[in-house]
Amino acid sequence: MIERTQDYRRIKRFPEWPLVVDSEIFYLMETKDGKDMGVWAFHQWWDGLLIHASLGPECRGRDAVNSAKEAFRWIFENTGYKKIYAEISNEKRPAQFVASWAGMDYIYSNQNKRYYLTESDVRAVA
């Protein structure tokens, strides 16, 4: 289940990337049976939002894909943003699979692979 949080103590439990406290960042927690399983962070980038994820070991594979889809739906239903982007390094193949399976389209590659999703796309993969 996805829920928005501004409780930065919960977010700090997932230390894969440095915590940035900013009112323009949406933090969405993935929870299961009252336990935090991971965190999604979205911040403004270009004409949409850039996504970052830190998921615990209990939220992998199909659970990670379902969590991503739910996070995307939450963003499109609760904000005015219409596009979501992800930049995923080539070393993070599982994250690239999650992005693809959750409905994001691959754009192009430089040092990172870049993925893209629009509001209409998320309706198609729901």
C-alpha atoms as a PDB file:
ATOM      1  CA  MET A   1       0.000   0.000   0.000  1.00  0.00           C
ATOM      2  CA  ILE A   2       1.280   3.461  -0.907  1.00  0.00           C
ATOM      3  CA  GLU A   3       0.934   6.399   1.455  1.00  0.00           C
ATOM      4  CA  ARG A   4       2.466   9.864   1.399  1.00  0.00           C
ATOM      5  CA  THR A   5       4.699  10.762   4.321  1.00  0.00           C
ATOM      6  CA  GLN A   6       6.607  13.753   5.553  1.00  0.00           C
ATOM      7  CA  ASP A   7       8.006  11.797   8.515  1.00  0.00           C
ATOM      8  CA  TYR A   8      11.681  11.916   7.602  1.00  0.00           C
ATOM      9  CA  ARG A   9      12.575   9.397  10.330  1.00  0.00           C
ATOM     10  CA  ARG A  10      10.742   6.740   8.295  1.00  0.00           C
ATOM     11  CA  ILE A  11      12.475   7.791   5.090  1.00  0.00           C
ATOM     12  CA  LYS A  12      15.954   7.659   6.664  1.00  0.00           C
ATOM     13  CA  ARG A  13      15.556   3.898   7.203  1.00  0.00           C
ATOM     14  CA  PHE A  14      16.249   3.435   3.498  1.00  0.00           C
ATOM     15  CA  PRO A  15      19.756   4.921   3.106  1.00  0.00           C
ATOM     16  CA  GLU A  16      20.497   4.145  -0.568  1.00  0.00           C
ATOM     17  CA  TRP A  17      20.495   7.841  -1.419  1.00  0.00           C
ATOM     18  CA  PRO A  18      20.978  10.935   0.719  1.00  0.00           C
ATOM     19  CA  LEU A  19      17.872  12.401   2.300  1.00  0.00           C
ATOM     20  CA  VAL A  20      16.929  15.806   0.953  1.00  0.00           C
ATOM     21  CA  VAL A  21      14.234  17.647   2.854  1.00  0.00           C
ATOM     22  CA  ASP A  22      12.261  19.797   0.452  1.00  0.00           C
ATOM     23  CA  SER A  23       8.607  20.714   0.198  1.00  0.00           C
ATOM     24  CA  GLU A  24       8.731  20.018  -3.546  1.00  0.00           C
ATOM     25  CA  ILE A  25       9.633  16.342  -3.005  1.00  0.00           C
ATOM     26  CA  PHE A  26       6.881  13.769  -2.665  1.00  0.00           C
ATOM     27  CA  TYR A  27       7.839  10.859  -0.425  1.00  0.00           C
ATOM     28  CA  LEU A  28       5.615   7.819  -0.803  1.00  0.00           C
ATOM     29  CA  MET A  29       6.087   4.863   1.539  1.00  0.00           C
ATOM     30  CA  GLU A  30       5.363   1.308   0.485  1.00  0.00           C
ATOM     31  CA  THR A  31       3.888  -0.458   3.502  1.00  0.00           C
ATOM     32  CA  LYS A  32       2.667  -3.974   4.147  1.00  0.00           C
ATOM     33  CA  ASP A  33       0.981  -5.081   7.356  1.00  0.00           C
ATOM     34  CA  GLY A  34       2.015  -1.798   8.993  1.00  0.00           C
ATOM     35  CA  LYS A  35       5.712  -2.268   8.148  1.00  0.00           C
ATOM     36  CA  ASP A  36       7.670   0.103   5.878  1.00  0.00           C
ATOM     37  CA  MET A  37       8.920  -1.853   2.864  1.00  0.00           C
ATOM     38  CA  GLY A  38      10.434   0.979   0.850  1.00  0.00           C
ATOM     39  CA  VAL A  39      10.245   4.595  -0.180  1.00  0.00           C
ATOM     40  CA  TRP A  40       9.623   6.355  -3.492  1.00  0.00           C
ATOM     41  CA  ALA A  41      10.705   9.969  -3.921  1.00  0.00           C
ATOM     42  CA  PHE A  42       9.610  12.272  -6.719  1.00  0.00           C
ATOM     43  CA  HIS A  43      10.964  15.752  -7.445  1.00  0.00           C
ATOM     44  CA  GLN A  44      10.353  18.222 -10.250  1.00  0.00           C
ATOM     45  CA  TRP A  45      12.485  17.634 -13.318  1.00  0.00           C
ATOM     46  CA  TRP A  46      12.002  19.063 -16.810  1.00  0.00           C
ATOM     47  CA  ASP A  47       8.241  19.070 -17.441  1.00  0.00           C
ATOM     48  CA  GLY A  48       7.432  16.324 -14.928  1.00  0.00           C
ATOM     49  CA  LEU A  49       8.833  14.439 -11.952  1.00  0.00           C
ATOM     50  CA  LEU A  50      12.016  12.398 -11.574  1.00  0.00           C
ATOM     51  CA  ILE A  51      11.583   9.228  -9.532  1.00  0.00           C
ATOM     52  CA  HIS A  52      14.021   7.667  -7.061  1.00  0.00           C
ATOM     53  CA  ALA A  53      13.352   4.428  -5.213  1.00  0.00           C
ATOM     54  CA  SER A  54      14.782   2.578  -2.269  1.00  0.00           C
ATOM     55  CA  LEU A  55      13.005  -0.706  -1.651  1.00  0.00           C
ATOM     56  CA  GLY A  56      13.803  -3.173   1.093  1.00  0.00           C
ATOM     57  CA  PRO A  57      14.564  -6.835   0.422  1.00  0.00           C
ATOM     58  CA  GLU A  58      10.934  -7.782   1.107  1.00  0.00           C
ATOM     59  CA  CYS A  59       9.779  -5.621  -1.817  1.00  0.00           C
ATOM     60  CA  ARG A  60      11.414  -7.106  -4.897  1.00  0.00           C
ATOM     61  CA  GLY A  61      10.240  -8.561  -8.203  1.00  0.00           C
ATOM     62  CA  ARG A  62       6.466  -8.513  -8.688  1.00  0.00           C
ATOM     63  CA  ASP A  63       5.994  -6.612  -5.407  1.00  0.00           C
ATOM     64  CA  ALA A  64       8.346  -3.854  -6.622  1.00  0.00           C
ATOM     65  CA  VAL A  65       6.506  -3.600  -9.958  1.00  0.00           C
ATOM     66  CA  ASN A  66       3.118  -3.385  -8.230  1.00  0.00           C
ATOM     67  CA  SER A  67       4.491  -0.786  -5.821  1.00  0.00           C
ATOM     68  CA  ALA A  68       5.799   1.302  -8.732  1.00  0.00           C
ATOM     69  CA  LYS A  69       2.438   1.163 -10.507  1.00  0.00           C
ATOM     70  CA  GLU A  70       0.655   2.214  -7.336  1.00  0.00           C
ATOM     71  CA  ALA A  71       3.120   5.073  -6.769  1.00  0.00           C
ATOM     72  CA  PHE A  72       2.615   6.261 -10.363  1.00  0.00           C
ATOM     73  CA  ARG A  73      -1.164   6.194  -9.964  1.00  0.00           C
ATOM     74  CA  TRP A  74      -0.878   8.140  -6.689  1.00  0.00           C
ATOM     75  CA  ILE A  75       1.200  10.869  -8.356  1.00  0.00           C
ATOM     76  CA  PHE A  76      -1.157  11.240 -11.322  1.00  0.00           C
ATOM     77  CA  GLU A  77      -4.284  11.241  -9.152  1.00  0.00           C
ATOM     78  CA  ASN A  78      -2.998  13.574  -6.409  1.00  0.00           C
ATOM     79  CA  THR A  79      -0.756  16.074  -8.183  1.00  0.00           C
ATOM     80  CA  GLY A  80      -0.915  18.135 -11.342  1.00  0.00           C
ATOM     81  CA  TYR A  81       2.082  16.387 -12.906  1.00  0.00           C
ATOM     82  CA  LYS A  82       1.528  14.498 -16.174  1.00  0.00           C
ATOM     83  CA  LYS A  83       4.971  12.916 -16.739  1.00  0.00           C
ATOM     84  CA  ILE A  84       7.379  10.800 -14.702  1.00  0.00           C
ATOM     85  CA  TYR A  85      11.035  10.181 -15.582  1.00  0.00           C
ATOM     86  CA  ALA A  86      13.671   7.790 -14.240  1.00  0.00           C
ATOM     87  CA  GLU A  87      17.416   7.726 -14.807  1.00  0.00           C
ATOM     88  CA  ILE A  88      18.740   4.300 -13.942  1.00  0.00           C
ATOM     89  CA  SER A  89      22.414   3.431 -14.147  1.00  0.00           C
ATOM     90  CA  ASN A  90      23.434   0.519 -16.339  1.00  0.00           C
ATOM     91  CA  GLU A  91      24.615  -1.411 -13.271  1.00  0.00           C
ATOM     92  CA  LYS A  92      21.087  -1.480 -11.824  1.00  0.00           C
ATOM     93  CA  ARG A  93      19.495  -3.975 -14.202  1.00  0.00           C
ATOM     94  CA  PRO A  94      16.778  -5.077 -11.731  1.00  0.00           C
ATOM     95  CA  ALA A  95      15.657  -1.440 -11.408  1.00  0.00           C
ATOM     96  CA  GLN A  96      15.537  -1.163 -15.203  1.00  0.00           C
ATOM     97  CA  PHE A  97      13.307  -4.252 -15.351  1.00  0.00           C
ATOM     98  CA  VAL A  98      10.994  -2.821 -12.685  1.00  0.00           C
ATOM     99  CA  ALA A  99      10.699   0.443 -14.646  1.00  0.00           C
ATOM    100  CA  SER A 100       9.882  -1.400 -17.875  1.00  0.00           C
ATOM    101  CA  TRP A 101       7.440  -3.847 -16.295  1.00  0.00           C
ATOM    102  CA  ALA A 102       5.681  -0.985 -14.486  1.00  0.00           C
ATOM    103  CA  GLY A 103       4.970   0.640 -17.855  1.00  0.00           C
ATOM    104  CA  MET A 104       7.809   3.105 -18.337  1.00  0.00           C
ATOM    105  CA  ASP A 105       9.215   3.453 -21.855  1.00  0.00           C
ATOM    106  CA  TYR A 106      12.945   3.524 -22.555  1.00  0.00           C
ATOM    107  CA  ILE A 107      14.000   6.799 -24.200  1.00  0.00           C
ATOM    108  CA  TYR A 108      17.743   6.645 -24.897  1.00  0.00           C
ATOM    109  CA  SER A 109      21.035   5.814 -23.308  1.00  0.00           C
ATOM    110  CA  ASN A 110      24.038   7.814 -22.318  1.00  0.00           C
ATOM    111  CA  GLN A 111      25.707   6.892 -19.035  1.00  0.00           C
ATOM    112  CA  ASN A 112      22.280   6.042 -17.651  1.00  0.00           C
ATOM    113  CA  LYS A 113      19.193   4.582 -19.216  1.00  0.00           C
ATOM    114  CA  ARG A 114      16.344   7.048 -19.196  1.00  0.00           C
ATOM    115  CA  TYR A 115      12.713   5.979 -18.846  1.00  0.00           C
ATOM    116  CA  TYR A 116       9.512   7.959 -19.286  1.00  0.00           C
ATOM    117  CA  LEU A 117       5.842   7.589 -18.351  1.00  0.00           C
ATOM    118  CA  THR A 118       2.826   9.794 -18.967  1.00  0.00           C
ATOM    119  CA  GLU A 119      -0.543   9.905 -17.261  1.00  0.00           C
ATOM    120  CA  SER A 120      -2.232   8.219 -20.229  1.00  0.00           C
ATOM    121  CA  ASP A 121       0.403   5.446 -20.220  1.00  0.00           C
ATOM    122  CA  VAL A 122      -0.265   4.557 -16.589  1.00  0.00           C
ATOM    123  CA  ARG A 123      -3.957   4.037 -17.316  1.00  0.00           C
ATOM    124  CA  ALA A 124      -3.007   1.475 -19.964  1.00  0.00           C
ATOM    125  CA  VAL A 125      -0.826  -0.605 -17.612  1.00  0.00           C
ATOM    126  CA  ALA A 126      -3.078  -0.400 -14.545  1.00  0.00           C
END
